[in-house]
Amino acid sequence: MISILGTAAVHAADIPALVQKAKPAIVEILTFDQQNKLLKTGTGFFISPDGVLLTNYHVISGGSSIMAKMSNGAVFFLKSIVTASEAYDVAKLLFFATDVPYLTLGSSSSAVEGQRILVIGNPEGLEGTVSDGIISAFRAGRTMIQITAPVSPGSSGSPVLDESGNVIGIATQVLKEGQNLNFAISAETIRDAIAKSTVVTPSPPSVPVGTPAPSIAGSSAQDCFNRAFQEVNSGNYESGIIDYSEAIRLKPDNADAYYNRALVFKYRKQYGAAISGFTEAIRLRPGWSSAYFNMGLANFYLGQFDEAISDLDGAIRLKPDYDAYFYRGLAYDSLKQYSKAISDYTEAIRLKPDSPYAYNNRGNLYKDLKQSAKAITDLSEAIRLAPDFGLAYMNRALTYYSLERYDKAINDDTEAIRLMPENAVAYRNRGCSYTFLKQFDKAINDLDEAIRLQPDDAYSFGGRGSIFRALKQYDKAISDFTEAIRLQPDLAAAYEDRAITYDKLGKSFKAAQDRKKAKELRGR
């Protein structure tokens, strides 16, 4: 156990030693949403060796899962929220942790204005930043301490230390209208908040946590690494993460442990934590192409396409292989940078000529760019390479549809439905082709099935409404167009189609209203 204790005030020359002792107990708090995307970060600090930690309530509010990360890379998972007070902005948490360094919650009752203080936190994600200052005033009956040490975003929850190394407050906010008007919640208020707050039973974290392996104490970093590797291979991901974290704590320059743990995070869809681990692995081993590649994938899955491209640039620079080009092509595709996407898919095909996926993606882009001949060539090659590739049939069907070759489109959509019988879009697309061939019964059957499979698809309702209108079943048409609008209120075509139907019924006022709305939507 490491406790930061002491009763005698220290001089300026002793402050570096105080900081060195205090820092290991201070962690970065990472709060994730239900999709395991990083929601926000802050600071916290352990106050007991068994994982009890203090931070601000606003650092964890709205989160679905919470992790604490030490400066050496060790990660701890939330076991429970012990108490939490929104009114006081204080939260007391318990993590799966044993024998961790901790700070002592002291008292601010004897503190005076002008007294020197230290704040250690993670402003803007910069771990372990030390700021010094003085107590400039006490506010609200000494429940709040005004300090001159800066409290930037990410520093919320940081301990405010006196010169003896005791915690006299938690940094909580900045009065942005003023300069250096930073505040901390006093230690006495923290205790009062904990005493008055109700015990919280949190919802289960999105990543389940397991009890740390009992043999960690006394283990070497290699023992922990080997145990983690075996646990992950056997599907025990939670214990694997804990043991990889322990390996990192025991050997902070263990690039392999950072990388392997990040792979587990990526597999568990905790992409923010994965990115952090891959970043550290690259710092320790700059030429690691796989780390760049997997970090690129994590950023891609988070929808951070520019960051993904930057990471995949690094992977390609170090190892120009099919996967890196393919996924960079996907990122460019997502950003609508189509020429770059086609270039990357082309290189992926050169490196792996038997890949149906690169042909499909490039063919789909050619389709969207109205280069139909190239699209059909690529999609046909994808189908030749993978005869059961339903998506390639769908994309080729759409290409034929755009060329008004409806019979061929129907054939391809039929094959797509055989391969993917639960795919609503394939039914909808085939229904549209039947509509243009005026085979309305078949079209309605397909659109009925599309709606059954995907009841929130506005386009299927709109397509079926158009058929009902052609069959002069105007009430059914109005009902379908109205449902399409309910599902997608910005669908101008549905308003226009409903306006035409209202005209058929002689309801000119309603028709005029719908045309006005459609015009507004078109003008956006």
Protein backbone atom coordinates (compact mmCIF):
# COMPACT_ATOMS: atom_id res chain seq x y z
CA MET A 1 0.00 0.00 0.00
CA ILE A 2 1.12 3.54 -0.70
CA SER A 3 -0.40 6.29 1.40
CA ILE A 4 0.42 9.98 1.02
CA LEU A 5 0.72 11.04 4.62
CA GLY A 6 2.51 13.74 6.55
CA THR A 7 1.91 16.50 9.02
CA ALA A 8 4.71 19.02 8.55
CA ALA A 9 4.45 21.63 5.80
CA VAL A 10 7.05 21.25 3.07
CA HIS A 11 9.12 23.85 1.32
CA ALA A 12 9.15 24.53 -2.43
CA ALA A 13 12.17 22.28 -2.83
CA ASP A 14 10.12 19.38 -1.43
CA ILE A 15 7.18 19.84 -3.80
CA PRO A 16 8.63 17.63 -6.61
CA ALA A 17 8.90 14.77 -4.11
CA LEU A 18 5.32 15.37 -2.96
CA VAL A 19 4.08 15.32 -6.57
CA GLN A 20 6.01 12.14 -7.31
CA LYS A 21 4.31 10.42 -4.38
CA ALA A 22 0.83 11.75 -5.10
CA LYS A 23 0.63 11.16 -8.85
CA PRO A 24 0.25 7.34 -8.79
CA ALA A 25 -3.03 7.66 -6.86
CA ILE A 26 -4.57 10.01 -9.45
CA VAL A 27 -6.39 8.54 -12.45
CA GLU A 28 -8.12 9.60 -15.62
CA ILE A 29 -11.84 8.80 -15.56
CA LEU A 30 -13.28 7.63 -18.90
CA THR A 31 -17.06 7.62 -19.17
CA PHE A 32 -18.67 5.73 -22.09
CA ASP A 33 -22.21 5.81 -23.50
CA GLN A 34 -24.42 2.81 -24.32
CA GLN A 35 -22.70 2.39 -27.70
CA ASN A 36 -19.32 2.22 -25.89
CA LYS A 37 -18.30 5.56 -27.39
CA LEU A 38 -16.23 7.83 -25.17
CA LEU A 39 -18.68 10.34 -23.68
CA LYS A 40 -16.34 12.45 -21.54
CA THR A 41 -13.20 12.35 -19.45
CA GLY A 42 -12.23 13.74 -16.09
CA THR A 43 -10.01 13.07 -13.11
CA GLY A 44 -10.40 11.08 -9.92
CA PHE A 45 -8.21 9.80 -7.10
CA PHE A 46 -8.13 6.72 -4.90
CA ILE A 47 -8.71 7.26 -1.17
CA SER A 48 -8.19 3.65 -0.08
CA PRO A 49 -5.99 0.73 -1.22
CA ASP A 50 -9.04 -1.38 -2.14
CA GLY A 51 -10.24 0.83 -4.98
CA VAL A 52 -12.48 3.49 -3.39
CA LEU A 53 -12.24 6.66 -5.47
CA LEU A 54 -13.58 10.23 -5.44
CA THR A 55 -14.50 12.38 -8.42
CA ASN A 56 -17.16 14.88 -9.49
CA TYR A 57 -20.72 13.73 -10.14
CA HIS A 58 -20.78 15.52 -13.51
CA VAL A 59 -17.75 13.50 -14.70
CA ILE A 60 -19.76 10.25 -14.58
CA SER A 61 -23.35 11.43 -15.08
CA GLY A 62 -25.10 10.05 -18.15
CA GLY A 63 -22.54 7.28 -18.61
CA SER A 64 -23.22 3.61 -19.21
CA SER A 65 -19.77 2.33 -18.21
CA ILE A 66 -16.83 3.87 -16.38
CA MET A 67 -13.11 3.08 -16.31
CA ALA A 68 -10.22 4.52 -14.33
CA LYS A 69 -6.82 4.67 -16.03
CA MET A 70 -3.56 5.17 -14.16
CA SER A 71 -0.64 7.11 -15.60
CA ASN A 72 1.25 3.83 -16.11
CA GLY A 73 -1.57 2.48 -18.30
CA ALA A 74 -3.22 0.19 -15.76
CA VAL A 75 -7.01 0.18 -16.20
CA PHE A 76 -9.61 -0.52 -13.51
CA PHE A 77 -13.30 -1.28 -14.08
CA LEU A 78 -16.18 0.04 -12.04
CA LYS A 79 -17.56 -2.34 -9.45
CA SER A 80 -20.23 -0.02 -8.04
CA ILE A 81 -21.22 3.59 -7.44
CA VAL A 82 -21.14 3.83 -3.66
CA THR A 83 -22.79 7.24 -3.35
CA ALA A 84 -23.40 10.13 -5.72
CA SER A 85 -24.69 13.65 -5.14
CA GLU A 86 -25.67 15.86 -8.04
CA ALA A 87 -26.32 18.77 -5.64
CA TYR A 88 -22.80 18.64 -4.19
CA ASP A 89 -21.21 17.40 -7.45
CA VAL A 90 -19.46 14.55 -5.61
CA ALA A 91 -19.31 10.84 -6.45
CA LYS A 92 -17.73 8.02 -4.47
CA LEU A 93 -16.95 4.97 -6.63
CA LEU A 94 -15.59 1.49 -6.01
CA PHE A 95 -13.38 -0.16 -8.64
CA PHE A 96 -12.07 -3.68 -9.03
CA ALA A 97 -8.64 -2.86 -7.60
CA THR A 98 -6.32 -4.08 -4.87
CA ASP A 99 -3.28 -2.52 -3.23
CA VAL A 100 -3.48 0.72 -5.22
CA PRO A 101 -1.75 3.96 -4.18
CA TYR A 102 -4.12 6.35 -2.46
CA LEU A 103 -4.41 9.85 -1.03
CA THR A 104 -5.68 10.97 2.37
CA LEU A 105 -8.81 13.09 2.53
CA GLY A 106 -7.76 15.80 4.96
CA SER A 107 -9.45 18.95 6.21
CA SER A 108 -9.75 22.51 4.98
CA SER A 109 -10.97 23.87 8.32
CA SER A 110 -7.56 25.29 9.23
CA ALA A 111 -6.69 26.45 5.70
CA VAL A 112 -6.26 30.19 5.20
CA GLU A 113 -6.37 32.60 2.30
CA GLY A 114 -2.98 32.89 0.62
CA GLN A 115 -2.05 29.30 1.49
CA ARG A 116 -0.23 27.43 -1.25
CA ILE A 117 -1.99 24.49 -2.95
CA LEU A 118 -1.36 21.99 -5.77
CA VAL A 119 -3.80 20.52 -8.30
CA ILE A 120 -2.89 17.35 -10.23
CA GLY A 121 -5.22 16.35 -13.05
CA ASN A 122 -5.76 15.63 -16.72
CA PRO A 123 -6.63 18.93 -18.48
CA GLU A 124 -7.58 18.41 -22.14
CA GLY A 125 -6.49 14.75 -21.73
CA LEU A 126 -2.91 15.68 -20.73
CA GLU A 127 -2.36 13.13 -18.00
CA GLY A 128 -0.73 14.06 -14.71
CA THR A 129 -0.54 17.82 -15.24
CA VAL A 130 0.57 19.67 -12.08
CA SER A 131 -0.63 23.22 -11.36
CA ASP A 132 0.16 25.29 -8.32
CA GLY A 133 -1.52 28.33 -6.86
CA ILE A 134 -2.96 29.73 -3.68
CA ILE A 135 -6.28 29.82 -1.88
CA SER A 136 -7.70 33.18 -2.91
CA ALA A 137 -10.99 33.02 -0.97
CA PHE A 138 -13.57 30.84 0.73
CA ARG A 139 -17.12 30.98 -0.58
CA ALA A 140 -20.58 29.82 0.51
CA GLY A 141 -19.69 29.34 4.15
CA ARG A 142 -16.36 27.65 3.33
CA THR A 143 -18.10 24.90 1.32
CA MET A 144 -16.29 26.15 -1.79
CA ILE A 145 -12.64 27.11 -2.06
CA GLN A 146 -11.62 29.65 -4.67
CA ILE A 147 -8.13 28.85 -5.97
CA THR A 148 -5.74 30.39 -8.48
CA ALA A 149 -4.49 27.05 -9.87
CA PRO A 150 -6.15 26.60 -13.28
CA VAL A 151 -8.92 24.02 -13.63
CA SER A 152 -9.34 23.20 -17.34
CA PRO A 153 -11.74 20.71 -19.00
CA GLY A 154 -10.61 17.23 -17.97
CA SER A 155 -9.37 18.46 -14.59
CA SER A 156 -12.77 18.16 -12.92
CA GLY A 157 -12.40 15.71 -10.05
CA SER A 158 -8.72 16.54 -9.47
CA PRO A 159 -7.46 16.56 -5.88
CA VAL A 160 -6.48 19.90 -4.41
CA LEU A 161 -3.52 19.19 -2.13
CA ASP A 162 -2.06 21.22 0.70
CA GLU A 163 1.68 21.32 1.32
CA SER A 164 1.43 18.22 3.48
CA GLY A 165 0.02 16.18 0.59
CA ASN A 166 -3.46 15.90 2.07
CA VAL A 167 -6.58 16.46 -0.04
CA ILE A 168 -8.40 19.60 1.08
CA GLY A 169 -10.83 19.72 -1.86
CA ILE A 170 -11.92 18.47 -5.29
CA ALA A 171 -11.55 20.77 -8.30
CA THR A 172 -14.98 21.22 -9.83
CA GLN A 173 -15.50 24.22 -12.09
CA VAL A 174 -14.16 27.37 -13.70
CA LEU A 175 -15.96 30.71 -13.66
CA LYS A 176 -15.31 31.45 -17.33
CA GLU A 177 -16.38 35.08 -17.19
CA GLY A 178 -13.45 35.86 -14.92
CA GLN A 179 -9.73 35.13 -15.04
CA ASN A 180 -8.30 32.42 -12.78
CA LEU A 181 -11.60 32.08 -10.91
CA ASN A 182 -11.39 28.36 -10.26
CA PHE A 183 -13.19 26.46 -7.51
CA ALA A 184 -12.92 23.33 -5.42
CA ILE A 185 -15.39 21.57 -3.13
CA SER A 186 -14.00 21.56 0.39
CA ALA A 187 -13.07 18.31 2.14
CA GLU A 188 -15.71 18.90 4.80
CA THR A 189 -18.40 19.35 2.13
CA ILE A 190 -17.23 16.14 0.44
CA ARG A 191 -17.68 14.20 3.67
CA ASP A 192 -21.07 15.80 4.22
CA ALA A 193 -22.16 14.95 0.67
CA ILE A 194 -21.09 11.32 1.08
CA ALA A 195 -22.95 11.06 4.40
CA LYS A 196 -26.16 12.58 3.04
CA SER A 197 -26.21 10.89 -0.38
CA THR A 198 -28.16 7.72 -0.96
CA VAL A 199 -26.47 4.52 -1.97
CA VAL A 200 -26.68 4.07 -5.72
CA THR A 201 -27.22 0.74 -7.43
CA PRO A 202 -25.88 1.29 -10.93
CA SER A 203 -27.06 -0.45 -14.05
CA PRO A 204 -24.60 -3.14 -15.19
CA PRO A 205 -21.62 -1.68 -17.06
CA SER A 206 -21.63 -2.32 -20.77
CA VAL A 207 -18.44 -4.34 -20.42
CA PRO A 208 -18.88 -6.96 -17.70
CA VAL A 209 -16.05 -7.15 -15.22
CA GLY A 210 -14.63 -10.15 -13.45
CA THR A 211 -12.82 -10.60 -10.20
CA PRO A 212 -9.06 -10.17 -10.63
CA ALA A 213 -7.16 -13.43 -10.66
CA PRO A 214 -6.09 -14.16 -7.09
CA SER A 215 -2.52 -14.96 -8.12
CA ILE A 216 -1.72 -11.42 -9.36
CA ALA A 217 0.03 -10.47 -6.15
CA GLY A 218 3.64 -11.43 -6.54
CA SER A 219 3.31 -12.21 -10.24
CA SER A 220 5.78 -10.87 -12.75
CA ALA A 221 4.69 -8.81 -15.75
CA GLN A 222 5.36 -11.81 -17.99
CA ASP A 223 3.24 -14.06 -15.78
CA CYS A 224 0.35 -11.61 -16.02
CA PHE A 225 0.82 -11.29 -19.79
CA ASN A 226 0.87 -15.05 -20.31
CA ARG A 227 -2.18 -15.54 -18.11
CA ALA A 228 -4.06 -12.77 -19.95
CA PHE A 229 -3.21 -14.32 -23.31
CA GLN A 230 -4.62 -17.68 -22.23
CA GLU A 231 -7.73 -16.07 -20.72
CA VAL A 232 -8.52 -14.13 -23.88
CA ASN A 233 -7.97 -17.21 -26.05
CA SER A 234 -10.45 -19.10 -23.89
CA GLY A 235 -13.02 -16.29 -24.18
CA ASN A 236 -12.55 -14.86 -20.68
CA TYR A 237 -12.06 -11.30 -21.94
CA GLU A 238 -12.78 -9.51 -18.66
CA SER A 239 -10.06 -11.32 -16.72
CA GLY A 240 -7.75 -10.96 -19.70
CA ILE A 241 -8.12 -7.19 -19.65
CA ILE A 242 -7.45 -7.11 -15.92
CA ASP A 243 -4.29 -9.22 -16.28
CA TYR A 244 -3.01 -7.22 -19.27
CA SER A 245 -3.55 -4.08 -17.15
CA GLU A 246 -1.58 -5.62 -14.33
CA ALA A 247 1.21 -6.52 -16.76
CA ILE A 248 1.31 -2.87 -17.82
CA ARG A 249 1.36 -1.66 -14.23
CA LEU A 250 4.30 -3.92 -13.46
CA LYS A 251 6.12 -3.08 -16.71
CA PRO A 252 4.90 0.28 -18.09
CA ASP A 253 6.91 -0.03 -21.33
CA ASN A 254 5.22 -3.33 -22.26
CA ALA A 255 4.07 -2.48 -25.79
CA ASP A 256 2.70 -5.97 -26.39
CA ALA A 257 0.43 -5.75 -23.36
CA TYR A 258 -0.93 -2.37 -24.50
CA TYR A 259 -1.53 -3.75 -28.00
CA ASN A 260 -3.18 -7.00 -26.91
CA ARG A 261 -5.40 -5.23 -24.39
CA ALA A 262 -6.41 -2.73 -27.07
CA LEU A 263 -7.35 -5.61 -29.38
CA VAL A 264 -9.68 -6.94 -26.68
CA PHE A 265 -11.20 -3.49 -26.22
CA LYS A 266 -11.75 -3.27 -29.98
CA TYR A 267 -13.38 -6.70 -30.03
CA ARG A 268 -15.65 -5.59 -27.16
CA LYS A 269 -16.47 -2.42 -29.14
CA GLN A 270 -14.88 -0.16 -26.52
CA TYR A 271 -13.24 1.82 -29.27
CA GLY A 272 -12.15 4.82 -27.20
CA ALA A 273 -10.18 2.60 -24.83
CA ALA A 274 -8.79 0.66 -27.80
CA ILE A 275 -7.52 3.84 -29.46
CA SER A 276 -5.81 4.88 -26.24
CA GLY A 277 -4.03 1.51 -26.04
CA PHE A 278 -2.94 1.46 -29.68
CA THR A 279 -1.61 5.00 -29.31
CA GLU A 280 0.55 3.94 -26.39
CA ALA A 281 1.75 0.83 -28.25
CA ILE A 282 2.82 3.03 -31.18
CA ARG A 283 4.60 5.43 -28.82
CA LEU A 284 6.58 2.55 -27.42
CA ARG A 285 7.10 0.86 -30.81
CA PRO A 286 6.77 3.50 -33.56
CA GLY A 287 7.09 1.14 -36.54
CA TRP A 288 4.19 -1.14 -35.61
CA SER A 289 1.96 -1.29 -38.70
CA SER A 290 -0.67 -3.52 -37.07
CA ALA A 291 -1.17 -0.99 -34.28
CA TYR A 292 -1.75 1.77 -36.84
CA PHE A 293 -4.14 -0.47 -38.78
CA ASN A 294 -6.23 -1.52 -35.79
CA MET A 295 -6.35 2.03 -34.44
CA GLY A 296 -7.61 3.06 -37.87
CA LEU A 297 -10.37 0.45 -37.64
CA ALA A 298 -11.37 1.67 -34.15
CA ASN A 299 -11.62 5.24 -35.42
CA PHE A 300 -13.56 4.03 -38.47
CA TYR A 301 -16.13 2.22 -36.30
CA LEU A 302 -16.54 5.40 -34.25
CA GLY A 303 -17.29 7.33 -37.46
CA GLN A 304 -14.06 9.33 -37.08
CA PHE A 305 -13.12 8.90 -40.72
CA ASP A 306 -10.41 11.57 -40.96
CA GLU A 307 -8.60 10.05 -38.00
CA ALA A 308 -9.06 6.59 -39.50
CA ILE A 309 -7.47 7.74 -42.77
CA SER A 310 -4.52 9.24 -40.90
CA ASP A 311 -3.97 5.96 -39.02
CA LEU A 312 -4.29 3.88 -42.17
CA ASP A 313 -1.82 6.20 -43.92
CA GLY A 314 0.65 5.13 -41.23
CA ALA A 315 -0.19 1.47 -41.73
CA ILE A 316 0.25 1.74 -45.51
CA ARG A 317 3.54 3.61 -45.12
CA LEU A 318 4.87 0.76 -43.00
CA LYS A 319 3.14 -2.17 -44.70
CA PRO A 320 1.16 -1.46 -47.90
CA ASP A 321 -1.20 -4.45 -47.84
CA TYR A 322 -4.73 -5.20 -49.04
CA ASP A 323 -6.51 -4.64 -45.72
CA ALA A 324 -5.10 -1.16 -45.15
CA TYR A 325 -6.01 0.01 -48.67
CA PHE A 326 -9.46 -1.58 -48.46
CA TYR A 327 -10.40 0.08 -45.18
CA ARG A 328 -8.91 3.41 -46.17
CA GLY A 329 -11.07 3.14 -49.28
CA LEU A 330 -14.09 2.61 -47.03
CA ALA A 331 -13.17 5.72 -45.01
CA TYR A 332 -12.80 7.84 -48.17
CA ASP A 333 -16.08 6.36 -49.41
CA SER A 334 -17.80 7.43 -46.17
CA LEU A 335 -16.46 10.99 -46.64
CA LYS A 336 -17.75 11.00 -50.24
CA GLN A 337 -14.19 11.37 -51.54
CA TYR A 338 -15.01 8.94 -54.29
CA SER A 339 -11.97 9.28 -56.55
CA LYS A 340 -9.65 8.50 -53.62
CA ALA A 341 -11.88 5.62 -52.57
CA ILE A 342 -11.81 4.14 -56.08
CA SER A 343 -8.03 4.52 -56.17
CA ASP A 344 -7.68 2.60 -52.89
CA TYR A 345 -10.11 -0.14 -53.94
CA THR A 346 -8.17 -0.46 -57.20
CA GLU A 347 -4.91 -0.93 -55.29
CA ALA A 348 -6.61 -3.42 -52.98
CA ILE A 349 -7.71 -5.40 -56.06
CA ARG A 350 -4.16 -5.30 -57.45
CA LEU A 351 -2.84 -6.71 -54.18
CA LYS A 352 -5.61 -9.29 -53.85
CA PRO A 353 -7.25 -9.95 -57.23
CA ASP A 354 -9.60 -12.58 -55.83
CA SER A 355 -11.32 -10.25 -53.35
CA PRO A 356 -15.05 -9.96 -54.15
CA TYR A 357 -15.46 -7.21 -51.55
CA ALA A 358 -13.16 -4.70 -53.21
CA TYR A 359 -14.83 -5.36 -56.57
CA ASN A 360 -18.26 -4.93 -54.97
CA ASN A 361 -17.35 -1.66 -53.27
CA ARG A 362 -15.70 -0.19 -56.35
CA GLY A 363 -18.63 -1.34 -58.49
CA ASN A 364 -21.08 0.26 -56.06
CA LEU A 365 -19.20 3.56 -56.35
CA TYR A 366 -19.23 3.35 -60.15
CA LYS A 367 -23.00 2.78 -59.90
CA ASP A 368 -23.47 5.90 -57.78
CA LEU A 369 -21.28 7.88 -60.20
CA LYS A 370 -23.49 6.73 -63.13
CA GLN A 371 -20.60 4.81 -64.71
CA SER A 372 -22.90 1.85 -65.30
CA ALA A 373 -20.72 -0.24 -67.61
CA LYS A 374 -17.82 -0.20 -65.13
CA ALA A 375 -20.24 -0.92 -62.29
CA ILE A 376 -21.70 -3.99 -64.02
CA THR A 377 -18.21 -5.28 -64.87
CA ASP A 378 -17.02 -4.99 -61.25
CA LEU A 379 -20.19 -6.38 -59.70
CA SER A 380 -20.23 -9.29 -62.14
CA GLU A 381 -16.64 -10.07 -61.15
CA ALA A 382 -17.60 -9.94 -57.47
CA ILE A 383 -20.40 -12.43 -58.18
CA ARG A 384 -18.05 -14.68 -60.18
CA LEU A 385 -15.60 -14.73 -57.26
CA ALA A 386 -18.34 -15.22 -54.66
CA PRO A 387 -21.54 -16.67 -56.18
CA ASP A 388 -23.34 -16.38 -52.82
CA PHE A 389 -22.56 -12.67 -52.38
CA GLY A 390 -26.11 -11.33 -52.03
CA LEU A 391 -25.08 -7.68 -51.70
CA ALA A 392 -23.31 -7.77 -55.05
CA TYR A 393 -26.52 -9.05 -56.69
CA MET A 394 -28.45 -6.21 -55.06
CA ASN A 395 -26.00 -3.58 -56.27
CA ARG A 396 -26.00 -4.98 -59.81
CA ALA A 397 -29.80 -5.02 -59.73
CA LEU A 398 -29.80 -1.33 -58.82
CA THR A 399 -27.46 -0.64 -61.73
CA TYR A 400 -29.78 -2.47 -64.14
CA TYR A 401 -32.73 -0.60 -62.63
CA SER A 402 -31.05 2.76 -63.34
CA LEU A 403 -30.63 1.60 -66.96
CA GLU A 404 -34.36 0.65 -67.06
CA ARG A 405 -33.42 -3.00 -67.64
CA TYR A 406 -36.08 -4.13 -65.19
CA ASP A 407 -36.11 -7.83 -66.11
CA LYS A 408 -32.41 -8.13 -65.31
CA ALA A 409 -32.89 -6.13 -62.11
CA ILE A 410 -35.70 -8.49 -61.06
CA ASN A 411 -33.50 -11.53 -61.73
CA ASP A 412 -30.68 -10.16 -59.59
CA ASP A 413 -33.00 -9.07 -56.75
CA THR A 414 -34.62 -12.52 -56.82
CA GLU A 415 -31.19 -14.09 -56.35
CA ALA A 416 -30.41 -11.61 -53.57
CA ILE A 417 -33.67 -12.57 -51.82
CA ARG A 418 -32.80 -16.26 -52.13
CA LEU A 419 -29.46 -15.58 -50.47
CA MET A 420 -30.76 -13.01 -47.95
CA PRO A 421 -34.45 -13.82 -47.34
CA GLU A 422 -34.72 -11.32 -44.48
CA ASN A 423 -33.40 -8.38 -46.49
CA ALA A 424 -36.24 -5.85 -46.78
CA VAL A 425 -34.39 -3.63 -49.27
CA ALA A 426 -34.12 -6.43 -51.83
CA TYR A 427 -37.90 -6.94 -51.68
CA ARG A 428 -38.49 -3.19 -51.96
CA ASN A 429 -36.18 -2.87 -54.94
CA ARG A 430 -37.78 -5.80 -56.75
CA GLY A 431 -41.18 -4.33 -56.02
CA CYS A 432 -40.11 -1.08 -57.69
CA SER A 433 -39.02 -2.97 -60.81
CA TYR A 434 -42.36 -4.81 -60.93
CA THR A 435 -44.10 -1.43 -60.61
CA PHE A 436 -42.39 -0.06 -63.71
CA LEU A 437 -43.39 -3.21 -65.58
CA LYS A 438 -46.98 -2.60 -64.32
CA GLN A 439 -47.02 -5.99 -62.62
CA PHE A 440 -48.82 -4.40 -59.67
CA ASP A 441 -49.89 -7.54 -57.81
CA LYS A 442 -46.30 -8.78 -57.63
CA ALA A 443 -45.11 -5.29 -56.70
CA ILE A 444 -47.61 -5.03 -53.82
CA ASN A 445 -46.65 -8.49 -52.55
CA ASP A 446 -42.96 -7.50 -52.47
CA LEU A 447 -43.63 -4.16 -50.77
CA ASP A 448 -45.91 -5.87 -48.22
CA GLU A 449 -43.02 -8.20 -47.38
CA ALA A 450 -40.55 -5.31 -47.24
CA ILE A 451 -42.82 -3.51 -44.75
CA ARG A 452 -43.25 -6.67 -42.69
CA LEU A 453 -39.48 -7.06 -42.45
CA GLN A 454 -38.78 -3.36 -41.92
CA PRO A 455 -41.88 -1.53 -40.64
CA ASP A 456 -40.04 1.81 -40.37
CA ASP A 457 -39.01 2.00 -44.04
CA ALA A 458 -40.69 5.13 -45.42
CA TYR A 459 -39.69 4.29 -49.00
CA SER A 460 -41.61 1.00 -49.00
CA PHE A 461 -44.76 2.78 -47.85
CA GLY A 462 -44.22 5.46 -50.47
CA GLY A 463 -43.71 2.88 -53.22
CA ARG A 464 -46.84 0.97 -52.25
CA GLY A 465 -48.81 4.21 -52.05
CA SER A 466 -47.84 5.00 -55.65
CA ILE A 467 -49.21 1.62 -56.77
CA PHE A 468 -52.49 2.15 -54.91
CA ARG A 469 -52.82 5.54 -56.59
CA ALA A 470 -52.20 3.96 -60.02
CA LEU A 471 -54.95 1.45 -59.16
CA LYS A 472 -57.21 4.38 -58.10
CA GLN A 473 -57.32 3.09 -54.53
CA TYR A 474 -56.85 6.63 -53.28
CA ASP A 475 -57.68 6.13 -49.61
CA LYS A 476 -55.06 3.38 -49.33
CA ALA A 477 -52.60 5.59 -51.19
CA ILE A 478 -53.20 8.52 -48.80
CA SER A 479 -52.73 6.19 -45.84
CA ASP A 480 -49.38 4.92 -47.15
CA PHE A 481 -48.06 8.38 -48.06
CA THR A 482 -49.10 9.65 -44.62
CA GLU A 483 -47.22 6.80 -42.94
CA ALA A 484 -44.15 7.52 -45.08
CA ILE A 485 -44.25 11.15 -43.90
CA ARG A 486 -44.66 10.10 -40.29
CA LEU A 487 -41.62 7.86 -40.56
CA GLN A 488 -39.54 10.40 -42.46
CA PRO A 489 -40.91 13.94 -42.07
CA ASP A 490 -38.37 15.44 -44.50
CA LEU A 491 -39.32 13.14 -47.41
CA ALA A 492 -40.44 15.70 -50.00
CA ALA A 493 -41.47 13.04 -52.54
CA ALA A 494 -44.08 11.66 -50.13
CA TYR A 495 -45.67 15.11 -49.77
CA GLU A 496 -45.67 15.52 -53.55
CA ASP A 497 -47.26 12.10 -54.09
CA ARG A 498 -49.89 12.75 -51.45
CA ALA A 499 -50.66 16.12 -53.07
CA ILE A 500 -51.28 14.40 -56.42
CA THR A 501 -53.60 11.92 -54.69
CA TYR A 502 -55.50 14.70 -52.90
CA ASP A 503 -56.01 16.34 -56.31
CA LYS A 504 -57.54 13.09 -57.54
CA LEU A 505 -59.97 13.26 -54.62
CA GLY A 506 -60.73 16.94 -55.28
CA LYS A 507 -59.12 18.04 -52.01
CA SER A 508 -57.28 21.00 -53.52
CA PHE A 509 -56.56 22.79 -50.23
CA LYS A 510 -54.79 19.77 -48.72
CA ALA A 511 -52.97 19.25 -52.02
CA ALA A 512 -51.74 22.86 -51.95
CA GLN A 513 -50.53 22.45 -48.35
CA ASP A 514 -48.54 19.35 -49.29
CA ARG A 515 -46.99 21.01 -52.34
CA LYS A 516 -45.96 23.98 -50.23
CA LYS A 517 -44.31 21.67 -47.71
CA ALA A 518 -42.56 19.71 -50.46
CA LYS A 519 -41.25 22.94 -51.96
CA GLU A 520 -39.90 24.04 -48.57
CA LEU A 521 -38.11 20.71 -48.18
CA ARG A 522 -36.70 20.82 -51.71
CA GLY A 523 -35.39 24.32 -51.08
CA ARG A 524 -33.29 23.35 -48.08
